[in-house]
Amino acid sequence: MIFTNYNINYLNLLKITISFLLVGILAKSISKTPSVLLEIALLGSLLFFSLIYSAQKFKIKKIPTIILIFFLLYLFIHTLTATLIRPFIIDLPFYDILLYNLLEFRLSTISYFLPLIFIPLSSMNITKFENFLIIILKLSIIYTILEQILSLGGFRQFFEYFYSNAGIVSPNQIGVKSLGMYRVWGVVGFPQLLGVFHAFGIFYMLYKHEKLWTLLSLVALIFSTSKTAYLILMLMSLLYLLYKKQYAILLLTLVLLSILSLISFNFYFYLQDNLSDNFPHFQKFMGSIVGFFILIFYVAEESAPLRFIEGGPLFQLLTYFSENPLEIIFGKGLTYSYISSGIAETELSKYQYLTSDFYILTFFEQYGLFGITLITYIFLIYPLFALLKNKSVLYFVPIIFFLSMFHYPPHIPKLMMVFASYPIYKLYFYENK
């Protein structure tokens, strides 16, 4: 057997990979290209060995697992189809399209396959590995808190220089504040996703009964200044009360949140109508929330960026499917995100990301009704079903992941995706001994 006495080595490779992802931004800041290649090599090796292991030893015992595997095959076939067929649709060489598809697969699609890297753990005692994950989370919490405190203390330029070297910071992110705090990048490297990552951490710490670190995870989430994370935390708090069967507290919380929301929005619109400069932090915070919901329907003026001239992303999506009705079932196919600048002047521009502000719409555009149904079941419906059956609090994590798709693409940072993937592994593949 190929995997005789492999367990320790595989576990070490898994720990080394996650540790490298933790310091990935530091590695990119020192030397970007080698660090990216090393990341690919480590994740690719884990997936390769995991697939060999699964082919030899893993047995599918439940229908939800079949659905997850079918979802992964669907993503892979989608990418393969785009690679083989797209050269016949647009006038570009096969190898150019192959390169772009491989880049996009590396950037995003491969993330959905990461639950597979944990399958070999089924033959091991996973307690020590889970403790290792908790250590990684604790280090990330400490870093976020320190980054915010040091930034407020006058060391902001150091972090901006550090992240600029890693190719992470864009000019519009320099010196940006929200609620009187800086927009920090943390170990994730995305201000939009850092708070969501720490929302994962809250439920990991609850899972391990780490009360102090649960509180520190909450602090780190607040320090991220991510409005998406704040909203998700509010929703998860309500779901947690339902999970704990605290129905009276749940009802009271719903009433108080409704009153607070009504007062906040009314006060914000009052300040706007009166052109008031009072409470600037509050106005900026509420304005970003209002703007987020307006943007999805937004129809811009001619001076606006090209992608908004014909309307907001929802308008664009509906327009596209109305003109291409046959594609609504299986989608447009693979689209391109961070490599879009390189394809702007080519025929591939028609396959640019619809939007990164509402990634759920882009996913729908790519994979159609079939794909959106599968991912909704995997990351929302089945985990929610498990929670309602009073199973592990860890299954809050995939729900958080799904909700975050309504804003920024949560699968881009590989460290974040590892922590989103482990509960998926536990839910779909792990069998209690």
Protein backbone atom coordinates (compact mmCIF):
# COMPACT_ATOMS: atom_id res chain seq x y z
CA MET A 1 0.00 0.00 0.00
CA ILE A 2 1.25 3.45 -0.92
CA PHE A 3 0.12 4.99 2.34
CA THR A 4 1.66 2.56 4.77
CA ASN A 5 3.03 4.57 7.72
CA TYR A 6 2.38 7.87 5.96
CA ASN A 7 0.19 9.45 8.67
CA ILE A 8 2.81 11.41 10.57
CA ASN A 9 4.39 12.81 7.43
CA TYR A 10 1.04 13.87 5.97
CA LEU A 11 0.01 15.55 9.21
CA ASN A 12 3.31 17.42 9.32
CA LEU A 13 2.88 18.53 5.70
CA LEU A 14 -0.61 19.76 6.55
CA LYS A 15 0.68 21.74 9.54
CA ILE A 16 3.58 23.18 7.54
CA THR A 17 1.17 24.30 4.80
CA ILE A 18 -1.20 26.03 7.22
CA SER A 19 1.72 27.66 9.03
CA PHE A 20 3.03 28.95 5.71
CA LEU A 21 -0.41 30.35 4.85
CA LEU A 22 -0.36 32.14 8.21
CA VAL A 23 2.88 33.94 7.28
CA GLY A 24 1.96 34.11 3.59
CA ILE A 25 1.81 37.90 3.49
CA LEU A 26 5.27 38.13 5.07
CA ALA A 27 6.56 35.69 2.44
CA LYS A 28 4.97 37.71 -0.37
CA SER A 29 6.40 40.91 1.06
CA ILE A 30 9.91 39.39 0.90
CA SER A 31 9.53 37.70 -2.48
CA LYS A 32 6.11 37.40 -4.09
CA THR A 33 6.59 34.92 -6.96
CA PRO A 34 8.48 32.17 -5.03
CA SER A 35 5.96 32.37 -2.19
CA VAL A 36 3.04 31.95 -4.60
CA LEU A 37 4.73 28.95 -6.22
CA LEU A 38 5.42 27.41 -2.81
CA GLU A 39 1.78 27.91 -1.81
CA ILE A 40 0.64 26.12 -4.98
CA ALA A 41 3.14 23.30 -4.43
CA LEU A 42 2.07 22.73 -0.81
CA LEU A 43 -1.68 22.82 -1.48
CA GLY A 44 -1.28 20.78 -4.66
CA SER A 45 0.71 18.11 -2.79
CA LEU A 46 -1.93 17.87 -0.08
CA LEU A 47 -4.72 17.51 -2.63
CA PHE A 48 -2.74 14.92 -4.61
CA PHE A 49 -1.97 12.70 -1.63
CA SER A 50 -5.46 13.13 -0.23
CA LEU A 51 -7.04 11.97 -3.50
CA ILE A 52 -4.76 8.90 -3.57
CA TYR A 53 -5.68 8.15 0.04
CA SER A 54 -9.40 8.60 -0.67
CA ALA A 55 -9.25 6.30 -3.69
CA GLN A 56 -7.76 3.56 -1.52
CA LYS A 57 -9.48 3.91 1.83
CA PHE A 58 -12.33 6.39 1.91
CA LYS A 59 -15.89 5.08 1.54
CA ILE A 60 -18.87 7.35 0.87
CA LYS A 61 -21.58 6.56 3.40
CA LYS A 62 -24.14 9.36 3.06
CA ILE A 63 -25.97 11.28 0.36
CA PRO A 64 -24.80 14.80 1.45
CA THR A 65 -21.21 13.67 0.85
CA ILE A 66 -22.15 12.56 -2.67
CA ILE A 67 -23.67 16.01 -3.28
CA LEU A 68 -20.45 17.73 -2.15
CA ILE A 69 -18.30 15.52 -4.39
CA PHE A 70 -20.71 16.17 -7.27
CA PHE A 71 -20.34 19.91 -6.65
CA LEU A 72 -16.54 19.65 -6.86
CA LEU A 73 -16.77 17.62 -10.08
CA TYR A 74 -19.15 20.23 -11.46
CA LEU A 75 -16.62 23.02 -10.78
CA PHE A 76 -13.80 21.01 -12.32
CA ILE A 77 -15.79 20.13 -15.45
CA HIS A 78 -16.84 23.76 -15.78
CA THR A 79 -13.20 24.87 -15.79
CA LEU A 80 -12.18 22.11 -18.19
CA THR A 81 -15.05 22.94 -20.56
CA ALA A 82 -14.10 26.63 -20.58
CA THR A 83 -10.53 25.64 -21.44
CA LEU A 84 -11.48 23.33 -24.31
CA ILE A 85 -14.42 25.20 -25.85
CA ARG A 86 -13.55 28.88 -25.33
CA PRO A 87 -10.81 28.94 -28.07
CA PHE A 88 -13.55 28.11 -30.59
CA ILE A 89 -15.73 30.99 -29.33
CA ILE A 90 -13.16 33.77 -29.21
CA ASP A 91 -10.14 34.45 -31.37
CA LEU A 92 -7.34 33.64 -28.93
CA PRO A 93 -4.78 30.82 -28.89
CA PHE A 94 -5.59 27.77 -26.79
CA TYR A 95 -2.50 28.23 -24.61
CA ASP A 96 -3.44 31.83 -23.72
CA ILE A 97 -6.86 30.71 -22.54
CA LEU A 98 -5.33 27.75 -20.71
CA LEU A 99 -2.99 30.11 -18.86
CA TYR A 100 -5.80 32.44 -17.78
CA ASN A 101 -7.95 29.50 -16.68
CA LEU A 102 -5.11 27.99 -14.66
CA LEU A 103 -4.49 31.36 -12.99
CA GLU A 104 -8.14 31.74 -12.10
CA PHE A 105 -8.32 28.14 -10.89
CA ARG A 106 -5.32 28.80 -8.65
CA LEU A 107 -6.75 32.07 -7.37
CA SER A 108 -10.26 30.93 -6.60
CA THR A 109 -11.68 27.59 -7.76
CA ILE A 110 -9.12 25.39 -6.02
CA SER A 111 -10.31 26.77 -2.68
CA TYR A 112 -13.53 24.78 -2.88
CA PHE A 113 -11.48 21.57 -3.03
CA LEU A 114 -9.68 22.23 0.26
CA PRO A 115 -12.08 20.16 2.46
CA LEU A 116 -10.50 17.15 0.72
CA ILE A 117 -7.08 17.81 2.29
CA PHE A 118 -8.45 16.80 5.69
CA ILE A 119 -9.79 13.38 4.62
CA PRO A 120 -6.59 11.49 5.64
CA LEU A 121 -7.15 12.80 9.16
CA SER A 122 -10.03 10.32 9.44
CA SER A 123 -7.50 7.64 10.34
CA MET A 124 -5.90 9.77 13.07
CA ASN A 125 -6.71 11.32 16.41
CA ILE A 126 -7.75 14.82 15.29
CA THR A 127 -7.77 16.45 18.73
CA LYS A 128 -4.13 17.51 18.52
CA PHE A 129 -4.66 18.84 15.00
CA GLU A 130 -7.65 20.90 16.13
CA ASN A 131 -5.51 22.32 18.94
CA PHE A 132 -2.99 23.32 16.27
CA LEU A 133 -5.74 25.16 14.36
CA ILE A 134 -6.67 26.99 17.55
CA ILE A 135 -3.05 28.12 18.00
CA ILE A 136 -3.05 29.50 14.45
CA LEU A 137 -6.27 31.38 15.17
CA LYS A 138 -4.89 32.79 18.41
CA LEU A 139 -1.83 34.12 16.60
CA SER A 140 -4.07 35.75 13.98
CA ILE A 141 -6.19 37.36 16.70
CA ILE A 142 -3.12 38.80 18.44
CA TYR A 143 -1.81 40.14 15.15
CA THR A 144 -5.08 41.92 14.21
CA ILE A 145 -5.36 43.55 17.63
CA LEU A 146 -1.72 44.66 17.56
CA GLU A 147 -2.00 45.95 13.98
CA GLN A 148 -4.94 48.17 14.91
CA ILE A 149 -3.39 49.41 18.18
CA LEU A 150 0.00 50.15 16.56
CA SER A 151 -1.68 51.82 13.57
CA LEU A 152 -3.59 54.13 15.90
CA GLY A 153 -0.35 54.69 17.79
CA GLY A 154 1.44 56.16 14.78
CA PHE A 155 2.88 53.10 13.02
CA ARG A 156 0.36 52.98 10.18
CA GLN A 157 2.96 53.74 7.48
CA PHE A 158 4.96 50.68 8.49
CA PHE A 159 2.01 48.39 7.79
CA GLU A 160 1.13 50.19 4.56
CA TYR A 161 4.73 49.73 3.35
CA PHE A 162 4.73 46.08 4.43
CA TYR A 163 1.48 45.21 2.66
CA SER A 164 2.42 47.28 -0.40
CA ASN A 165 5.52 45.12 -0.86
CA ALA A 166 3.24 42.08 -0.77
CA GLY A 167 1.16 43.57 -3.59
CA ILE A 168 -1.95 43.78 -1.41
CA VAL A 169 -2.56 47.48 -0.79
CA SER A 170 -4.21 49.62 -3.45
CA PRO A 171 -3.93 53.46 -3.38
CA ASN A 172 -7.57 53.87 -2.29
CA GLN A 173 -6.84 51.86 0.88
CA ILE A 174 -4.09 54.14 2.19
CA GLY A 175 -5.08 55.85 5.43
CA VAL A 176 -8.70 54.68 5.23
CA LYS A 177 -10.59 54.80 8.53
CA SER A 178 -13.98 53.58 9.74
CA LEU A 179 -15.53 54.29 13.14
CA GLY A 180 -12.33 56.10 14.10
CA MET A 181 -10.19 53.01 13.45
CA TYR A 182 -8.03 52.01 10.52
CA ARG A 183 -9.00 49.42 7.93
CA VAL A 184 -6.49 46.70 8.80
CA TRP A 185 -5.38 43.74 6.69
CA GLY A 186 -4.37 41.14 9.30
CA VAL A 187 -3.04 37.72 8.27
CA VAL A 188 -5.84 37.43 5.68
CA GLY A 189 -4.68 40.45 3.69
CA PHE A 190 -8.19 41.74 2.91
CA PRO A 191 -9.91 44.35 5.12
CA GLN A 192 -13.26 43.24 3.66
CA LEU A 193 -12.71 39.64 4.83
CA LEU A 194 -10.66 39.98 8.01
CA GLY A 195 -13.73 40.45 10.19
CA VAL A 196 -15.41 37.41 8.62
CA PHE A 197 -12.27 35.37 9.37
CA HIS A 198 -12.50 36.39 13.02
CA ALA A 199 -16.20 35.49 12.98
CA PHE A 200 -14.99 31.98 12.09
CA GLY A 201 -12.64 32.26 15.07
CA ILE A 202 -15.46 33.07 17.50
CA PHE A 203 -17.16 29.75 16.79
CA TYR A 204 -13.91 27.79 16.74
CA MET A 205 -13.22 29.15 20.25
CA LEU A 206 -16.77 28.33 21.38
CA TYR A 207 -16.24 24.83 19.98
CA LYS A 208 -13.11 24.47 22.14
CA HIS A 209 -14.70 26.25 25.14
CA GLU A 210 -12.07 29.02 25.07
CA LYS A 211 -14.07 31.81 26.74
CA LEU A 212 -11.26 34.39 26.90
CA TRP A 213 -10.27 33.81 23.29
CA THR A 214 -13.89 33.94 22.19
CA LEU A 215 -13.97 37.45 23.64
CA LEU A 216 -10.64 38.34 22.01
CA SER A 217 -11.96 37.03 18.67
CA LEU A 218 -14.86 39.43 19.08
CA VAL A 219 -12.44 42.28 19.81
CA ALA A 220 -10.43 41.39 16.69
CA LEU A 221 -13.63 41.34 14.64
CA ILE A 222 -14.58 44.81 15.91
CA PHE A 223 -11.03 46.06 15.21
CA SER A 224 -11.36 44.85 11.59
CA THR A 225 -14.04 47.58 11.02
CA SER A 226 -15.74 45.26 8.51
CA LYS A 227 -19.42 46.17 8.22
CA THR A 228 -20.12 42.82 6.55
CA ALA A 229 -18.66 41.02 9.56
CA TYR A 230 -20.71 43.17 11.96
CA LEU A 231 -23.91 42.26 10.11
CA ILE A 232 -22.99 38.57 9.94
CA LEU A 233 -22.14 38.56 13.66
CA MET A 234 -25.55 40.03 14.43
CA LEU A 235 -27.29 37.33 12.36
CA MET A 236 -25.16 34.57 13.90
CA SER A 237 -25.93 35.84 17.40
CA LEU A 238 -29.62 35.41 16.65
CA LEU A 239 -29.02 31.96 15.20
CA TYR A 240 -26.90 31.03 18.24
CA LEU A 241 -29.76 31.95 20.57
CA LEU A 242 -32.04 29.75 18.46
CA TYR A 243 -29.41 26.99 18.60
CA LYS A 244 -29.32 27.29 22.41
CA LYS A 245 -33.14 27.39 22.51
CA GLN A 246 -33.10 30.78 24.27
CA TYR A 247 -36.36 31.82 22.65
CA ALA A 248 -37.28 34.61 25.09
CA ILE A 249 -33.86 36.26 24.76
CA LEU A 250 -34.04 35.78 20.98
CA LEU A 251 -37.37 37.58 20.79
CA LEU A 252 -36.17 40.41 23.02
CA THR A 253 -32.97 40.77 20.96
CA LEU A 254 -34.96 40.92 17.72
CA VAL A 255 -37.16 43.68 19.14
CA LEU A 256 -34.19 45.71 20.42
CA LEU A 257 -32.25 45.32 17.14
CA SER A 258 -35.31 46.39 15.15
CA ILE A 259 -35.74 49.50 17.30
CA LEU A 260 -32.02 50.32 17.15
CA SER A 261 -31.93 49.86 13.36
CA LEU A 262 -35.01 52.05 12.89
CA ILE A 263 -33.55 54.83 15.06
CA SER A 264 -30.11 54.61 13.36
CA PHE A 265 -31.42 54.78 9.80
CA ASN A 266 -33.90 57.55 10.58
CA PHE A 267 -31.21 59.59 12.33
CA TYR A 268 -28.81 59.04 9.42
CA PHE A 269 -31.35 60.20 6.82
CA TYR A 270 -32.23 63.18 9.05
CA LEU A 271 -28.54 64.22 9.08
CA GLN A 272 -28.33 63.74 5.32
CA ASP A 273 -31.49 65.77 4.61
CA ASN A 274 -30.20 68.62 6.77
CA LEU A 275 -26.69 68.52 5.29
CA SER A 276 -25.31 68.18 8.81
CA ASP A 277 -21.62 67.59 9.52
CA ASN A 278 -22.33 66.24 12.97
CA PHE A 279 -21.36 62.69 13.92
CA PRO A 280 -19.04 62.16 10.90
CA HIS A 281 -17.99 58.62 11.92
CA PHE A 282 -21.61 57.57 12.31
CA GLN A 283 -22.56 59.09 8.97
CA LYS A 284 -19.68 57.40 7.19
CA PHE A 285 -20.49 54.05 8.78
CA MET A 286 -24.22 54.20 8.00
CA GLY A 287 -23.53 55.65 4.57
CA SER A 288 -21.41 52.64 3.63
CA ILE A 289 -24.22 50.30 4.70
CA VAL A 290 -26.83 52.23 2.73
CA GLY A 291 -24.48 52.50 -0.22
CA PHE A 292 -23.91 48.76 -0.22
CA PHE A 293 -27.60 48.11 -0.79
CA ILE A 294 -27.97 50.95 -3.29
CA LEU A 295 -25.01 49.77 -5.35
CA ILE A 296 -26.64 46.50 -6.34
CA PHE A 297 -29.39 48.43 -8.16
CA TYR A 298 -27.31 51.46 -9.10
CA VAL A 299 -27.60 53.06 -12.53
CA ALA A 300 -24.66 55.37 -13.03
CA GLU A 301 -24.02 58.47 -15.01
CA GLU A 302 -21.75 58.44 -18.03
CA SER A 303 -18.81 59.63 -15.96
CA ALA A 304 -18.92 56.51 -13.81
CA PRO A 305 -16.71 53.43 -14.33
CA LEU A 306 -17.65 51.39 -17.36
CA ARG A 307 -19.02 48.45 -15.45
CA PHE A 308 -21.72 50.61 -13.88
CA ILE A 309 -22.92 52.51 -16.96
CA GLU A 310 -25.61 49.97 -17.75
CA GLY A 311 -26.70 49.59 -14.17
CA GLY A 312 -25.79 47.77 -11.01
CA PRO A 313 -24.56 44.16 -10.90
CA LEU A 314 -28.03 42.71 -10.38
CA PHE A 315 -29.29 44.64 -13.40
CA GLN A 316 -26.32 43.40 -15.44
CA LEU A 317 -26.88 39.80 -14.43
CA LEU A 318 -30.59 39.87 -15.26
CA THR A 319 -29.84 41.57 -18.56
CA TYR A 320 -27.25 38.97 -19.50
CA PHE A 321 -29.48 36.00 -18.72
CA SER A 322 -32.44 37.59 -20.50
CA GLU A 323 -30.24 37.81 -23.61
CA ASN A 324 -28.75 34.32 -23.06
CA PRO A 325 -31.62 32.33 -21.47
CA LEU A 326 -30.09 28.93 -22.18
CA GLU A 327 -27.12 29.76 -19.93
CA ILE A 328 -29.21 30.40 -16.80
CA ILE A 329 -29.12 26.69 -15.84
CA PHE A 330 -25.35 26.11 -16.01
CA GLY A 331 -24.05 29.69 -16.19
CA LYS A 332 -21.60 31.53 -18.41
CA GLY A 333 -18.59 29.49 -17.37
CA LEU A 334 -15.34 30.47 -15.69
CA THR A 335 -14.86 34.21 -15.29
CA TYR A 336 -11.68 36.07 -14.40
CA SER A 337 -11.11 38.14 -11.25
CA TYR A 338 -7.70 39.55 -10.39
CA ILE A 339 -6.30 38.97 -13.83
CA SER A 340 -9.00 41.14 -15.41
CA SER A 341 -6.60 44.01 -16.07
CA GLY A 342 -4.61 41.74 -18.35
CA ILE A 343 -7.60 40.84 -20.48
CA ALA A 344 -9.23 44.26 -20.71
CA GLU A 345 -8.19 44.74 -24.35
CA THR A 346 -8.95 41.19 -25.50
CA GLU A 347 -12.06 39.20 -26.33
CA LEU A 348 -11.74 37.59 -22.90
CA SER A 349 -13.04 40.83 -21.37
CA LYS A 350 -16.57 39.47 -21.80
CA TYR A 351 -15.59 36.90 -19.17
CA GLN A 352 -14.45 39.36 -16.50
CA TYR A 353 -15.91 39.11 -12.99
CA LEU A 354 -19.37 40.61 -12.86
CA THR A 355 -18.51 42.18 -9.51
CA SER A 356 -16.46 41.50 -6.39
CA ASP A 357 -18.83 43.51 -4.21
CA PHE A 358 -21.60 40.95 -4.62
CA TYR A 359 -19.70 37.74 -5.24
CA ILE A 360 -22.86 35.61 -4.96
CA LEU A 361 -24.04 37.21 -8.23
CA THR A 362 -20.73 36.44 -9.92
CA PHE A 363 -20.96 32.84 -8.76
CA PHE A 364 -24.49 32.67 -10.20
CA GLU A 365 -23.20 34.16 -13.44
CA GLN A 366 -20.44 31.53 -13.60
CA TYR A 367 -22.28 28.38 -12.54
CA GLY A 368 -25.98 29.14 -13.07
CA LEU A 369 -28.95 27.86 -11.11
CA PHE A 370 -27.38 24.43 -10.85
CA GLY A 371 -24.23 25.73 -9.19
CA ILE A 372 -25.94 28.20 -6.87
CA THR A 373 -28.31 25.45 -5.68
CA LEU A 374 -25.42 23.11 -4.90
CA ILE A 375 -23.33 25.68 -2.99
CA THR A 376 -26.40 26.85 -1.05
CA TYR A 377 -27.09 23.28 0.06
CA ILE A 378 -23.45 22.58 0.99
CA PHE A 379 -22.62 25.77 2.89
CA LEU A 380 -26.05 26.81 4.20
CA ILE A 381 -28.89 24.29 4.17
CA TYR A 382 -27.14 21.15 5.40
CA PRO A 383 -25.05 22.96 8.08
CA LEU A 384 -28.21 24.72 9.26
CA PHE A 385 -29.99 21.38 9.39
CA ALA A 386 -27.11 19.99 11.48
CA LEU A 387 -27.30 22.92 13.92
CA LEU A 388 -31.05 22.53 14.34
CA LYS A 389 -30.31 18.92 15.30
CA ASN A 390 -28.06 20.37 18.03
CA LYS A 391 -24.80 19.24 16.49
CA SER A 392 -21.43 20.97 16.79
CA VAL A 393 -21.26 24.76 17.04
CA LEU A 394 -18.47 24.46 14.46
CA TYR A 395 -21.14 24.27 11.75
CA PHE A 396 -21.79 27.98 12.15
CA VAL A 397 -18.61 28.51 10.12
CA PRO A 398 -19.85 27.34 6.68
CA ILE A 399 -23.00 29.42 7.20
CA ILE A 400 -20.83 32.48 7.87
CA PHE A 401 -18.85 31.65 4.73
CA PHE A 402 -22.03 31.52 2.64
CA LEU A 403 -23.38 34.81 4.02
CA SER A 404 -20.05 36.52 3.31
CA MET A 405 -20.49 35.60 -0.37
CA PHE A 406 -23.08 38.37 -0.54
CA HIS A 407 -20.16 40.77 -0.39
CA TYR A 408 -16.51 40.05 -1.11
CA PRO A 409 -15.26 36.65 -2.49
CA PRO A 410 -14.42 34.76 0.74
CA HIS A 411 -12.59 31.92 -1.03
CA ILE A 412 -9.66 34.01 -2.30
CA PRO A 413 -7.44 33.97 0.87
CA LYS A 414 -6.29 30.37 1.25
CA LEU A 415 -5.78 30.62 5.03
CA MET A 416 -9.37 31.75 5.40
CA MET A 417 -10.56 28.93 3.15
CA VAL A 418 -8.69 26.31 5.22
CA PHE A 419 -10.70 27.33 8.28
CA ALA A 420 -13.93 27.42 6.28
CA SER A 421 -13.12 23.96 4.88
CA TYR A 422 -12.38 22.09 8.11
CA PRO A 423 -16.02 22.20 9.38
CA ILE A 424 -17.11 21.09 5.89
CA TYR A 425 -14.78 18.10 6.23
CA LYS A 426 -16.19 17.33 9.70
CA LEU A 427 -19.76 17.60 8.45
CA TYR A 428 -19.45 15.65 5.20
CA PHE A 429 -16.52 13.25 5.59
CA TYR A 430 -15.62 12.63 9.23
CA GLU A 431 -17.05 9.64 11.04
CA ASN A 432 -16.89 9.55 14.82
CA LYS A 433 -15.03 6.49 15.99
